[in-house]
Amino acid sequence: MENSLTHTTVLLKEAVDALLDNTHPEASELDPGSCTYVDGTFGRGGHSRLILSRLAPDGHLIAFDKDLEALAEAATIQDPRFSIRHQGFSHVGELAPASVSGLLLDLGISSPQIDKAERGFSFRFEAPLDMRMDTTRGESVAQWLAYADVDKITEVIRDYGEERFAGAIAKTIVARRQERGPISTTTELAQLDRG
């Protein structure tokens, strides 16, 4: 299901201003535009494009993203100062020590991921229960729920979803799996509480 909505970067100017205006405050002789920055969550490139527009010719921007659609969007940027890595921001530590002057992280899921049914992030659409940021790696949520035990499901829902009823939800998921087989779609998961 293709959605015609466009993504609007929230706090775009404010985030980029904070990144560039606070570079090496103790080293006023440095031109912030000549430094190297990291956009740890490229998404659809709103922050990256604004950063690039403010960089000097010798500045550089390194972006990270797991999402194949984000990588496709990044490929449209034809700027020698820009590079992207098909990795999560957890790999920022692999960059050379002291090589980066600033890091921007816009954490969370993006609206294009929610709006695209086949990604399996939204309960608004009947879709495979996937929920992976990088659909080329790892297993989908449906695959994981097919074998995960109550304690592990509880831990994930509680720690990542901040859900106070995580234990009850996990028990319902496992009971459903034992009675009728694994949950494979977003709708099946959303309707669990209805029996």
N, C-alpha and C. Protein backbone atom coordinates (compact mmCIF):
# COMPACT_ATOMS: atom_id res chain seq x y z
N MET A 1 0.85 -1.17 0.00
CA MET A 1 0.00 0.00 0.00
C MET A 1 0.89 1.23 0.00
N GLU A 2 0.83 2.03 -1.01
CA GLU A 2 1.64 3.23 -1.12
C GLU A 2 0.85 4.41 -0.56
N ASN A 3 1.50 5.25 0.20
CA ASN A 3 0.84 6.40 0.78
C ASN A 3 1.44 7.66 0.19
N SER A 4 0.60 8.61 -0.17
CA SER A 4 1.06 9.82 -0.81
C SER A 4 1.50 10.90 0.18
N LEU A 5 1.42 10.63 1.46
CA LEU A 5 1.84 11.61 2.46
C LEU A 5 3.34 11.83 2.38
N THR A 6 3.76 13.04 2.68
CA THR A 6 5.20 13.33 2.71
C THR A 6 5.64 13.47 4.15
N HIS A 7 6.91 13.25 4.37
CA HIS A 7 7.47 13.33 5.70
C HIS A 7 7.95 14.75 5.97
N THR A 8 7.55 15.30 7.10
CA THR A 8 8.01 16.61 7.53
C THR A 8 8.92 16.43 8.73
N THR A 9 10.14 16.90 8.61
CA THR A 9 11.10 16.77 9.71
C THR A 9 10.70 17.73 10.82
N VAL A 10 10.55 17.21 12.02
CA VAL A 10 10.14 18.00 13.17
C VAL A 10 11.37 18.69 13.77
N LEU A 11 11.22 19.92 14.16
CA LEU A 11 12.29 20.72 14.76
C LEU A 11 13.55 20.74 13.91
N LEU A 12 13.37 20.80 12.62
CA LEU A 12 14.48 20.75 11.68
C LEU A 12 15.51 21.84 11.94
N LYS A 13 15.11 23.08 11.85
CA LYS A 13 16.05 24.19 12.01
C LYS A 13 16.64 24.20 13.42
N GLU A 14 15.81 23.96 14.41
CA GLU A 14 16.28 24.00 15.80
C GLU A 14 17.34 22.93 16.07
N ALA A 15 17.11 21.72 15.56
CA ALA A 15 18.07 20.64 15.79
C ALA A 15 19.40 20.92 15.08
N VAL A 16 19.33 21.37 13.83
CA VAL A 16 20.56 21.65 13.08
C VAL A 16 21.28 22.86 13.67
N ASP A 17 20.54 23.89 14.08
CA ASP A 17 21.16 25.04 14.74
C ASP A 17 21.91 24.59 15.99
N ALA A 18 21.27 23.75 16.79
CA ALA A 18 21.91 23.27 18.02
C ALA A 18 23.17 22.48 17.71
N LEU A 19 23.13 21.68 16.67
CA LEU A 19 24.30 20.89 16.28
C LEU A 19 25.45 21.78 15.82
N LEU A 20 25.18 22.67 14.89
CA LEU A 20 26.25 23.47 14.29
C LEU A 20 26.70 24.63 15.16
N ASP A 21 25.79 25.20 15.92
CA ASP A 21 26.15 26.36 16.74
C ASP A 21 26.88 25.98 18.02
N ASN A 22 26.89 24.69 18.36
CA ASN A 22 27.55 24.26 19.59
C ASN A 22 28.79 23.44 19.34
N THR A 23 29.32 23.48 18.12
CA THR A 23 30.52 22.72 17.79
C THR A 23 31.73 23.38 18.43
N HIS A 24 32.46 22.61 19.17
CA HIS A 24 33.70 23.07 19.81
C HIS A 24 33.58 24.48 20.41
N PRO A 25 32.70 24.67 21.37
CA PRO A 25 32.54 26.02 21.91
C PRO A 25 33.84 26.57 22.50
N GLU A 26 34.74 25.69 22.93
CA GLU A 26 36.00 26.14 23.50
C GLU A 26 37.05 26.45 22.43
N ALA A 27 36.77 26.10 21.19
CA ALA A 27 37.74 26.31 20.12
C ALA A 27 37.13 27.24 19.07
N SER A 28 37.05 28.51 19.38
CA SER A 28 36.36 29.46 18.52
C SER A 28 37.04 29.67 17.17
N GLU A 29 38.31 29.23 17.05
CA GLU A 29 39.00 29.41 15.76
C GLU A 29 38.52 28.41 14.71
N LEU A 30 37.79 27.36 15.13
CA LEU A 30 37.28 26.38 14.17
C LEU A 30 36.02 26.91 13.49
N ASP A 31 35.94 26.71 12.19
CA ASP A 31 34.72 27.04 11.44
C ASP A 31 33.81 25.82 11.53
N PRO A 32 32.66 25.93 12.20
CA PRO A 32 31.78 24.77 12.32
C PRO A 32 31.43 24.13 10.98
N GLY A 33 31.36 24.93 9.94
CA GLY A 33 31.03 24.42 8.62
C GLY A 33 32.10 23.55 8.02
N SER A 34 33.31 23.62 8.55
CA SER A 34 34.43 22.83 8.03
C SER A 34 34.63 21.52 8.79
N CYS A 35 33.79 21.25 9.73
CA CYS A 35 33.94 20.06 10.58
C CYS A 35 33.22 18.85 9.97
N THR A 36 33.38 17.72 10.62
CA THR A 36 32.69 16.49 10.24
C THR A 36 31.57 16.22 11.24
N TYR A 37 30.40 15.94 10.71
CA TYR A 37 29.22 15.67 11.54
C TYR A 37 28.64 14.32 11.20
N VAL A 38 27.82 13.81 12.12
CA VAL A 38 27.13 12.55 11.90
C VAL A 38 25.63 12.77 12.09
N ASP A 39 24.87 12.29 11.11
CA ASP A 39 23.42 12.18 11.26
C ASP A 39 23.18 10.70 11.50
N GLY A 40 22.97 10.33 12.74
CA GLY A 40 22.89 8.93 13.12
C GLY A 40 21.60 8.24 12.71
N THR A 41 20.62 9.02 12.28
CA THR A 41 19.33 8.47 11.87
C THR A 41 18.86 9.24 10.63
N PHE A 42 19.38 8.89 9.47
CA PHE A 42 19.14 9.64 8.24
C PHE A 42 17.65 9.77 7.92
N GLY A 43 16.88 8.70 8.04
CA GLY A 43 15.45 8.75 7.75
C GLY A 43 15.18 9.14 6.31
N ARG A 44 14.54 10.27 6.09
CA ARG A 44 14.29 10.74 4.74
C ARG A 44 15.19 11.92 4.39
N GLY A 45 16.15 12.22 5.28
CA GLY A 45 17.22 13.16 4.95
C GLY A 45 16.97 14.62 5.24
N GLY A 46 15.94 14.95 5.96
CA GLY A 46 15.66 16.36 6.25
C GLY A 46 16.79 17.04 6.97
N HIS A 47 17.26 16.43 8.06
CA HIS A 47 18.37 17.02 8.81
C HIS A 47 19.64 17.04 7.97
N SER A 48 19.92 15.93 7.29
CA SER A 48 21.15 15.85 6.49
C SER A 48 21.21 16.93 5.43
N ARG A 49 20.12 17.15 4.74
CA ARG A 49 20.11 18.16 3.67
C ARG A 49 20.37 19.56 4.22
N LEU A 50 19.77 19.88 5.37
CA LEU A 50 20.00 21.19 5.95
C LEU A 50 21.44 21.32 6.46
N ILE A 51 21.96 20.27 7.07
CA ILE A 51 23.37 20.31 7.51
C ILE A 51 24.27 20.55 6.31
N LEU A 52 24.06 19.81 5.23
CA LEU A 52 24.89 19.96 4.03
C LEU A 52 24.80 21.39 3.47
N SER A 53 23.63 21.99 3.53
CA SER A 53 23.48 23.35 3.00
C SER A 53 24.27 24.36 3.80
N ARG A 54 24.63 24.00 5.02
CA ARG A 54 25.35 24.92 5.90
C ARG A 54 26.83 24.56 6.06
N LEU A 55 27.26 23.47 5.44
CA LEU A 55 28.66 23.07 5.54
C LEU A 55 29.53 23.85 4.56
N ALA A 56 30.77 24.07 4.95
CA ALA A 56 31.77 24.65 4.06
C ALA A 56 32.21 23.58 3.06
N PRO A 57 32.91 23.97 2.00
CA PRO A 57 33.36 22.99 1.00
C PRO A 57 34.22 21.86 1.59
N ASP A 58 34.91 22.11 2.69
CA ASP A 58 35.75 21.07 3.28
C ASP A 58 35.07 20.37 4.46
N GLY A 59 33.78 20.65 4.70
CA GLY A 59 33.03 19.96 5.73
C GLY A 59 32.62 18.57 5.24
N HIS A 60 32.14 17.75 6.16
CA HIS A 60 31.72 16.40 5.78
C HIS A 60 30.58 15.95 6.67
N LEU A 61 29.68 15.17 6.09
CA LEU A 61 28.55 14.60 6.83
C LEU A 61 28.51 13.10 6.57
N ILE A 62 28.50 12.34 7.65
CA ILE A 62 28.38 10.88 7.58
C ILE A 62 27.02 10.53 8.18
N ALA A 63 26.20 9.83 7.41
CA ALA A 63 24.88 9.44 7.89
C ALA A 63 24.84 7.93 8.10
N PHE A 64 23.98 7.51 8.99
CA PHE A 64 23.75 6.10 9.28
C PHE A 64 22.26 5.82 9.16
N ASP A 65 21.89 4.68 8.63
CA ASP A 65 20.50 4.23 8.68
C ASP A 65 20.44 2.76 8.30
N LYS A 66 19.51 2.04 8.91
CA LYS A 66 19.30 0.62 8.63
C LYS A 66 18.26 0.40 7.53
N ASP A 67 17.38 1.37 7.36
CA ASP A 67 16.21 1.25 6.48
C ASP A 67 16.61 1.36 5.01
N LEU A 68 16.23 0.36 4.21
CA LEU A 68 16.56 0.38 2.78
C LEU A 68 15.93 1.57 2.04
N GLU A 69 14.75 1.98 2.47
CA GLU A 69 14.13 3.14 1.84
C GLU A 69 14.89 4.42 2.16
N ALA A 70 15.44 4.50 3.37
CA ALA A 70 16.27 5.65 3.72
C ALA A 70 17.54 5.65 2.88
N LEU A 71 18.12 4.48 2.66
CA LEU A 71 19.33 4.40 1.83
C LEU A 71 19.03 4.82 0.40
N ALA A 72 17.87 4.45 -0.11
CA ALA A 72 17.49 4.86 -1.46
C ALA A 72 17.34 6.38 -1.53
N GLU A 73 16.76 6.96 -0.51
CA GLU A 73 16.63 8.42 -0.45
C GLU A 73 18.00 9.07 -0.36
N ALA A 74 18.89 8.49 0.43
CA ALA A 74 20.25 9.04 0.56
C ALA A 74 21.00 9.01 -0.76
N ALA A 75 20.70 8.02 -1.59
CA ALA A 75 21.37 7.90 -2.89
C ALA A 75 21.04 9.05 -3.82
N THR A 76 19.97 9.79 -3.52
CA THR A 76 19.62 10.94 -4.35
C THR A 76 20.47 12.16 -4.04
N ILE A 77 21.21 12.11 -2.95
CA ILE A 77 22.08 13.23 -2.59
C ILE A 77 23.41 13.07 -3.31
N GLN A 78 23.65 13.96 -4.24
CA GLN A 78 24.89 13.93 -5.03
C GLN A 78 25.80 15.04 -4.51
N ASP A 79 26.44 14.78 -3.39
CA ASP A 79 27.32 15.76 -2.77
C ASP A 79 28.55 15.02 -2.25
N PRO A 80 29.74 15.38 -2.70
CA PRO A 80 30.95 14.66 -2.28
C PRO A 80 31.23 14.78 -0.78
N ARG A 81 30.58 15.71 -0.12
CA ARG A 81 30.79 15.87 1.33
C ARG A 81 29.93 14.90 2.14
N PHE A 82 29.10 14.13 1.45
CA PHE A 82 28.12 13.26 2.11
C PHE A 82 28.43 11.79 1.86
N SER A 83 28.28 10.99 2.90
CA SER A 83 28.34 9.53 2.75
C SER A 83 27.33 8.92 3.72
N ILE A 84 26.85 7.74 3.36
CA ILE A 84 25.89 7.04 4.22
C ILE A 84 26.36 5.62 4.43
N ARG A 85 26.06 5.10 5.61
CA ARG A 85 26.40 3.73 5.97
C ARG A 85 25.12 2.95 6.25
N HIS A 86 25.05 1.74 5.73
CA HIS A 86 23.90 0.87 5.97
C HIS A 86 24.13 0.17 7.32
N GLN A 87 24.01 0.97 8.35
CA GLN A 87 24.21 0.51 9.72
C GLN A 87 23.37 1.38 10.66
N GLY A 88 23.14 0.87 11.84
CA GLY A 88 22.49 1.67 12.86
C GLY A 88 23.49 2.59 13.52
N PHE A 89 22.99 3.58 14.25
CA PHE A 89 23.87 4.55 14.88
C PHE A 89 24.76 3.93 15.96
N SER A 90 24.47 2.72 16.35
CA SER A 90 25.34 2.05 17.32
C SER A 90 26.75 1.83 16.77
N HIS A 91 26.91 1.97 15.46
CA HIS A 91 28.22 1.81 14.83
C HIS A 91 29.02 3.10 14.76
N VAL A 92 28.50 4.18 15.30
CA VAL A 92 29.22 5.46 15.30
C VAL A 92 30.59 5.30 15.97
N GLY A 93 30.65 4.47 16.98
CA GLY A 93 31.90 4.25 17.70
C GLY A 93 33.00 3.66 16.84
N GLU A 94 32.67 3.16 15.66
CA GLU A 94 33.68 2.61 14.75
C GLU A 94 34.41 3.70 13.96
N LEU A 95 33.91 4.93 14.03
CA LEU A 95 34.59 6.03 13.36
C LEU A 95 35.89 6.34 14.11
N ALA A 96 36.83 6.92 13.43
CA ALA A 96 38.12 7.24 14.05
C ALA A 96 37.91 8.14 15.26
N PRO A 97 38.65 7.88 16.34
CA PRO A 97 38.53 8.71 17.54
C PRO A 97 38.75 10.19 17.22
N ALA A 98 37.93 11.03 17.83
CA ALA A 98 38.02 12.49 17.70
C ALA A 98 37.86 12.98 16.26
N SER A 99 37.23 12.18 15.40
CA SER A 99 37.07 12.59 13.99
C SER A 99 35.75 13.32 13.73
N VAL A 100 34.87 13.34 14.71
CA VAL A 100 33.54 13.92 14.53
C VAL A 100 33.36 15.09 15.50
N SER A 101 32.82 16.18 14.97
CA SER A 101 32.61 17.37 15.80
C SER A 101 31.22 17.44 16.40
N GLY A 102 30.27 16.71 15.82
CA GLY A 102 28.92 16.73 16.35
C GLY A 102 28.10 15.57 15.82
N LEU A 103 27.11 15.18 16.61
CA LEU A 103 26.26 14.03 16.29
C LEU A 103 24.80 14.42 16.49
N LEU A 104 23.97 14.13 15.50
CA LEU A 104 22.53 14.37 15.59
C LEU A 104 21.81 13.04 15.54
N LEU A 105 20.94 12.80 16.52
CA LEU A 105 20.10 11.60 16.55
C LEU A 105 18.64 12.02 16.68
N ASP A 106 17.85 11.69 15.70
CA ASP A 106 16.41 11.92 15.75
C ASP A 106 15.79 10.55 15.96
N LEU A 107 15.68 10.15 17.21
CA LEU A 107 15.31 8.79 17.55
C LEU A 107 13.82 8.52 17.39
N GLY A 108 13.53 7.27 17.06
CA GLY A 108 12.15 6.83 16.96
C GLY A 108 11.81 6.40 15.55
N ILE A 109 10.62 5.95 15.41
CA ILE A 109 10.13 5.49 14.12
C ILE A 109 9.65 6.71 13.33
N SER A 110 9.77 6.66 12.02
CA SER A 110 9.36 7.80 11.21
C SER A 110 7.99 7.55 10.58
N SER A 111 7.31 8.62 10.22
CA SER A 111 5.98 8.48 9.65
C SER A 111 5.96 7.66 8.37
N PRO A 112 6.98 7.73 7.48
CA PRO A 112 6.93 6.86 6.30
C PRO A 112 6.94 5.37 6.66
N GLN A 113 7.60 5.01 7.75
CA GLN A 113 7.61 3.61 8.16
C GLN A 113 6.24 3.19 8.68
N ILE A 114 5.57 4.07 9.37
CA ILE A 114 4.23 3.77 9.89
C ILE A 114 3.21 3.74 8.76
N ASP A 115 3.35 4.66 7.82
CA ASP A 115 2.36 4.81 6.75
C ASP A 115 2.43 3.72 5.69
N LYS A 116 3.52 3.00 5.63
CA LYS A 116 3.66 1.94 4.63
C LYS A 116 3.24 0.61 5.26
N ALA A 117 2.09 0.11 4.87
CA ALA A 117 1.49 -1.06 5.51
C ALA A 117 2.42 -2.25 5.59
N GLU A 118 3.13 -2.55 4.51
CA GLU A 118 3.95 -3.77 4.48
C GLU A 118 5.11 -3.76 5.47
N ARG A 119 5.41 -2.61 6.07
CA ARG A 119 6.46 -2.56 7.08
C ARG A 119 6.00 -3.21 8.38
N GLY A 120 4.68 -3.26 8.58
CA GLY A 120 4.14 -3.95 9.75
C GLY A 120 4.29 -3.20 11.05
N PHE A 121 4.44 -1.88 10.99
CA PHE A 121 4.57 -1.08 12.21
C PHE A 121 3.24 -0.55 12.73
N SER A 122 2.23 -0.53 11.88
CA SER A 122 0.97 0.12 12.24
C SER A 122 -0.17 -0.89 12.32
N PHE A 123 -1.06 -0.65 13.27
CA PHE A 123 -2.25 -1.48 13.40
C PHE A 123 -3.39 -0.95 12.54
N ARG A 124 -3.16 0.15 11.82
CA ARG A 124 -4.19 0.72 10.96
C ARG A 124 -4.42 -0.12 9.72
N PHE A 125 -3.44 -0.93 9.35
CA PHE A 125 -3.51 -1.71 8.12
C PHE A 125 -3.35 -3.19 8.42
N GLU A 126 -4.01 -4.02 7.65
CA GLU A 126 -3.76 -5.47 7.69
C GLU A 126 -2.46 -5.71 6.94
N ALA A 127 -1.46 -6.23 7.61
CA ALA A 127 -0.15 -6.41 7.00
C ALA A 127 0.63 -7.46 7.75
N PRO A 128 1.66 -8.01 7.11
CA PRO A 128 2.54 -8.94 7.83
C PRO A 128 3.16 -8.24 9.04
N LEU A 129 3.28 -8.95 10.12
CA LEU A 129 3.83 -8.39 11.36
C LEU A 129 5.35 -8.43 11.28
N ASP A 130 5.94 -7.38 10.72
CA ASP A 130 7.38 -7.35 10.48
C ASP A 130 8.09 -6.49 11.52
N MET A 131 7.95 -5.19 11.43
CA MET A 131 8.49 -4.21 12.38
C MET A 131 10.02 -4.11 12.42
N ARG A 132 10.70 -4.56 11.37
CA ARG A 132 12.16 -4.41 11.35
C ARG A 132 12.54 -3.09 10.71
N MET A 133 13.52 -2.41 11.28
CA MET A 133 14.05 -1.21 10.65
C MET A 133 14.82 -1.60 9.38
N ASP A 134 15.53 -2.71 9.44
CA ASP A 134 16.27 -3.21 8.28
C ASP A 134 15.66 -4.54 7.89
N THR A 135 14.88 -4.55 6.83
CA THR A 135 14.16 -5.76 6.42
C THR A 135 15.06 -6.81 5.79
N THR A 136 16.36 -6.52 5.65
CA THR A 136 17.29 -7.50 5.08
C THR A 136 18.01 -8.30 6.16
N ARG A 137 17.80 -7.94 7.41
CA ARG A 137 18.53 -8.59 8.51
C ARG A 137 17.60 -9.01 9.62
N GLY A 138 17.97 -10.08 10.27
CA GLY A 138 17.22 -10.52 11.43
C GLY A 138 15.87 -11.12 11.08
N GLU A 139 15.09 -11.31 12.12
CA GLU A 139 13.77 -11.91 11.92
C GLU A 139 12.67 -10.91 12.19
N SER A 140 11.54 -11.15 11.60
CA SER A 140 10.39 -10.27 11.82
C SER A 140 9.83 -10.51 13.22
N VAL A 141 8.97 -9.62 13.65
CA VAL A 141 8.31 -9.80 14.94
C VAL A 141 7.47 -11.08 14.92
N ALA A 142 6.81 -11.35 13.79
CA ALA A 142 6.00 -12.57 13.70
C ALA A 142 6.87 -13.81 13.90
N GLN A 143 8.04 -13.83 13.29
CA GLN A 143 8.95 -14.98 13.46
C GLN A 143 9.38 -15.11 14.92
N TRP A 144 9.70 -14.00 15.54
CA TRP A 144 10.15 -14.01 16.93
C TRP A 144 9.04 -14.44 17.87
N LEU A 145 7.83 -13.91 17.65
CA LEU A 145 6.70 -14.27 18.52
C LEU A 145 6.31 -15.74 18.39
N ALA A 146 6.72 -16.39 17.33
CA ALA A 146 6.38 -17.80 17.13
C ALA A 146 7.10 -18.72 18.12
N TYR A 147 8.16 -18.22 18.74
CA TYR A 147 8.89 -19.09 19.68
C TYR A 147 9.27 -18.42 21.01
N ALA A 148 9.24 -17.11 21.11
CA ALA A 148 9.68 -16.42 22.33
C ALA A 148 8.81 -16.82 23.51
N ASP A 149 9.43 -16.93 24.69
CA ASP A 149 8.67 -17.31 25.88
C ASP A 149 8.06 -16.08 26.54
N VAL A 150 7.18 -16.31 27.49
CA VAL A 150 6.43 -15.24 28.15
C VAL A 150 7.38 -14.22 28.77
N ASP A 151 8.43 -14.70 29.45
CA ASP A 151 9.34 -13.78 30.13
C ASP A 151 10.05 -12.85 29.15
N LYS A 152 10.50 -13.38 28.04
CA LYS A 152 11.21 -12.56 27.06
C LYS A 152 10.26 -11.57 26.38
N ILE A 153 9.05 -12.01 26.04
CA ILE A 153 8.07 -11.11 25.43
C ILE A 153 7.72 -10.00 26.42
N THR A 154 7.53 -10.38 27.68
CA THR A 154 7.24 -9.39 28.72
C THR A 154 8.35 -8.35 28.80
N GLU A 155 9.59 -8.82 28.82
CA GLU A 155 10.74 -7.92 28.92
C GLU A 155 10.77 -6.92 27.75
N VAL A 156 10.56 -7.41 26.55
CA VAL A 156 10.61 -6.54 25.38
C VAL A 156 9.47 -5.52 25.41
N ILE A 157 8.27 -5.96 25.70
CA ILE A 157 7.12 -5.04 25.72
C ILE A 157 7.28 -4.02 26.85
N ARG A 158 7.75 -4.47 28.00
CA ARG A 158 7.93 -3.57 29.14
C ARG A 158 9.07 -2.58 28.89
N ASP A 159 10.22 -3.08 28.44
CA ASP A 159 11.40 -2.23 28.33
C ASP A 159 11.39 -1.32 27.10
N TYR A 160 10.87 -1.81 25.99
CA TYR A 160 10.87 -1.01 24.77
C TYR A 160 9.54 -0.32 24.50
N GLY A 161 8.46 -0.89 25.01
CA GLY A 161 7.15 -0.29 24.81
C GLY A 161 6.65 0.47 26.01
N GLU A 162 7.38 0.35 27.13
CA GLU A 162 7.02 1.02 28.38
C GLU A 162 5.56 0.75 28.75
N GLU A 163 5.16 -0.51 28.54
CA GLU A 163 3.78 -0.93 28.78
C GLU A 163 3.66 -1.56 30.16
N ARG A 164 2.81 -0.99 31.00
CA ARG A 164 2.68 -1.51 32.37
C ARG A 164 1.97 -2.85 32.44
N PHE A 165 1.22 -3.21 31.40
CA PHE A 165 0.54 -4.51 31.36
C PHE A 165 1.30 -5.52 30.50
N ALA A 166 2.61 -5.35 30.41
CA ALA A 166 3.43 -6.20 29.55
C ALA A 166 3.28 -7.68 29.86
N GLY A 167 3.25 -8.03 31.11
CA GLY A 167 3.12 -9.44 31.49
C GLY A 167 1.82 -10.06 31.01
N ALA A 168 0.74 -9.35 31.20
CA ALA A 168 -0.58 -9.86 30.76
C ALA A 168 -0.63 -9.97 29.23
N ILE A 169 -0.06 -9.00 28.55
CA ILE A 169 -0.05 -9.03 27.08
C ILE A 169 0.78 -10.23 26.60
N ALA A 170 1.94 -10.43 27.21
CA ALA A 170 2.81 -11.55 26.82
C ALA A 170 2.10 -12.88 27.03
N LYS A 171 1.41 -13.02 28.14
CA LYS A 171 0.67 -14.27 28.40
C LYS A 171 -0.43 -14.48 27.36
N THR A 172 -1.09 -13.42 26.97
CA THR A 172 -2.14 -13.52 25.95
C THR A 172 -1.56 -13.94 24.61
N ILE A 173 -0.40 -13.38 24.26
CA ILE A 173 0.25 -13.74 23.00
C ILE A 173 0.62 -15.22 22.98
N VAL A 174 1.21 -15.69 24.06
CA VAL A 174 1.63 -17.10 24.12
C VAL A 174 0.41 -18.03 24.14
N ALA A 175 -0.62 -17.64 24.87
CA ALA A 175 -1.85 -18.47 24.91
C ALA A 175 -2.47 -18.54 23.52
N ARG A 176 -2.53 -17.45 22.83
CA ARG A 176 -3.07 -17.41 21.46
C ARG A 176 -2.26 -18.33 20.55
N ARG A 177 -0.94 -18.25 20.67
CA ARG A 177 -0.05 -19.07 19.86
C ARG A 177 -0.29 -20.56 20.13
N GLN A 178 -0.49 -20.93 21.38
CA GLN A 178 -0.71 -22.33 21.73
C GLN A 178 -2.08 -22.83 21.26
N GLU A 179 -3.06 -21.95 21.26
CA GLU A 179 -4.41 -22.34 20.87
C GLU A 179 -4.62 -22.37 19.35
N ARG A 180 -4.12 -21.33 18.66
CA ARG A 180 -4.44 -21.20 17.23
C ARG A 180 -3.23 -21.02 16.32
N GLY A 181 -2.03 -21.13 16.87
CA GLY A 181 -0.84 -20.96 16.04
C GLY A 181 -0.28 -19.56 16.14
N PRO A 182 0.85 -19.35 15.50
CA PRO A 182 1.56 -18.07 15.60
C PRO A 182 0.76 -16.90 15.03
N ILE A 183 1.05 -15.74 15.57
CA ILE A 183 0.45 -14.48 15.09
C ILE A 183 1.30 -14.03 13.91
N SER A 184 0.65 -13.74 12.78
CA SER A 184 1.43 -13.37 11.60
C SER A 184 1.10 -12.00 11.03
N THR A 185 0.03 -11.37 11.49
CA THR A 185 -0.33 -10.07 10.94
C THR A 185 -0.55 -9.02 12.03
N THR A 186 -0.50 -7.77 11.63
CA THR A 186 -0.72 -6.67 12.57
C THR A 186 -2.13 -6.73 13.15
N THR A 187 -3.10 -7.10 12.32
CA THR A 187 -4.48 -7.17 12.78
C THR A 187 -4.66 -8.27 13.83
N GLU A 188 -4.04 -9.42 13.61
CA GLU A 188 -4.13 -10.51 14.60
C GLU A 188 -3.58 -10.05 15.95
N LEU A 189 -2.48 -9.33 15.93
CA LEU A 189 -1.90 -8.85 17.19
C LEU A 189 -2.81 -7.81 17.83
N ALA A 190 -3.32 -6.88 17.04
CA ALA A 190 -4.18 -5.81 17.57
C ALA A 190 -5.48 -6.36 18.16
N GLN A 191 -5.98 -7.47 17.64
CA GLN A 191 -7.26 -8.01 18.09
C GLN A 191 -7.14 -9.00 19.24
N LEU A 192 -5.97 -9.21 19.76
CA LEU A 192 -5.79 -10.18 20.83
C LEU A 192 -6.68 -9.92 22.04
N ASP A 193 -6.81 -8.68 22.42
CA ASP A 193 -7.59 -8.38 23.61
C ASP A 193 -9.08 -8.67 23.42
N ARG A 194 -9.50 -8.83 22.16
CA ARG A 194 -10.92 -9.10 21.89
C ARG A 194 -11.21 -10.62 21.84
N GLY A 195 -10.14 -11.42 21.95
CA GLY A 195 -10.34 -12.86 21.94
C GLY A 195 -10.42 -13.36 20.60
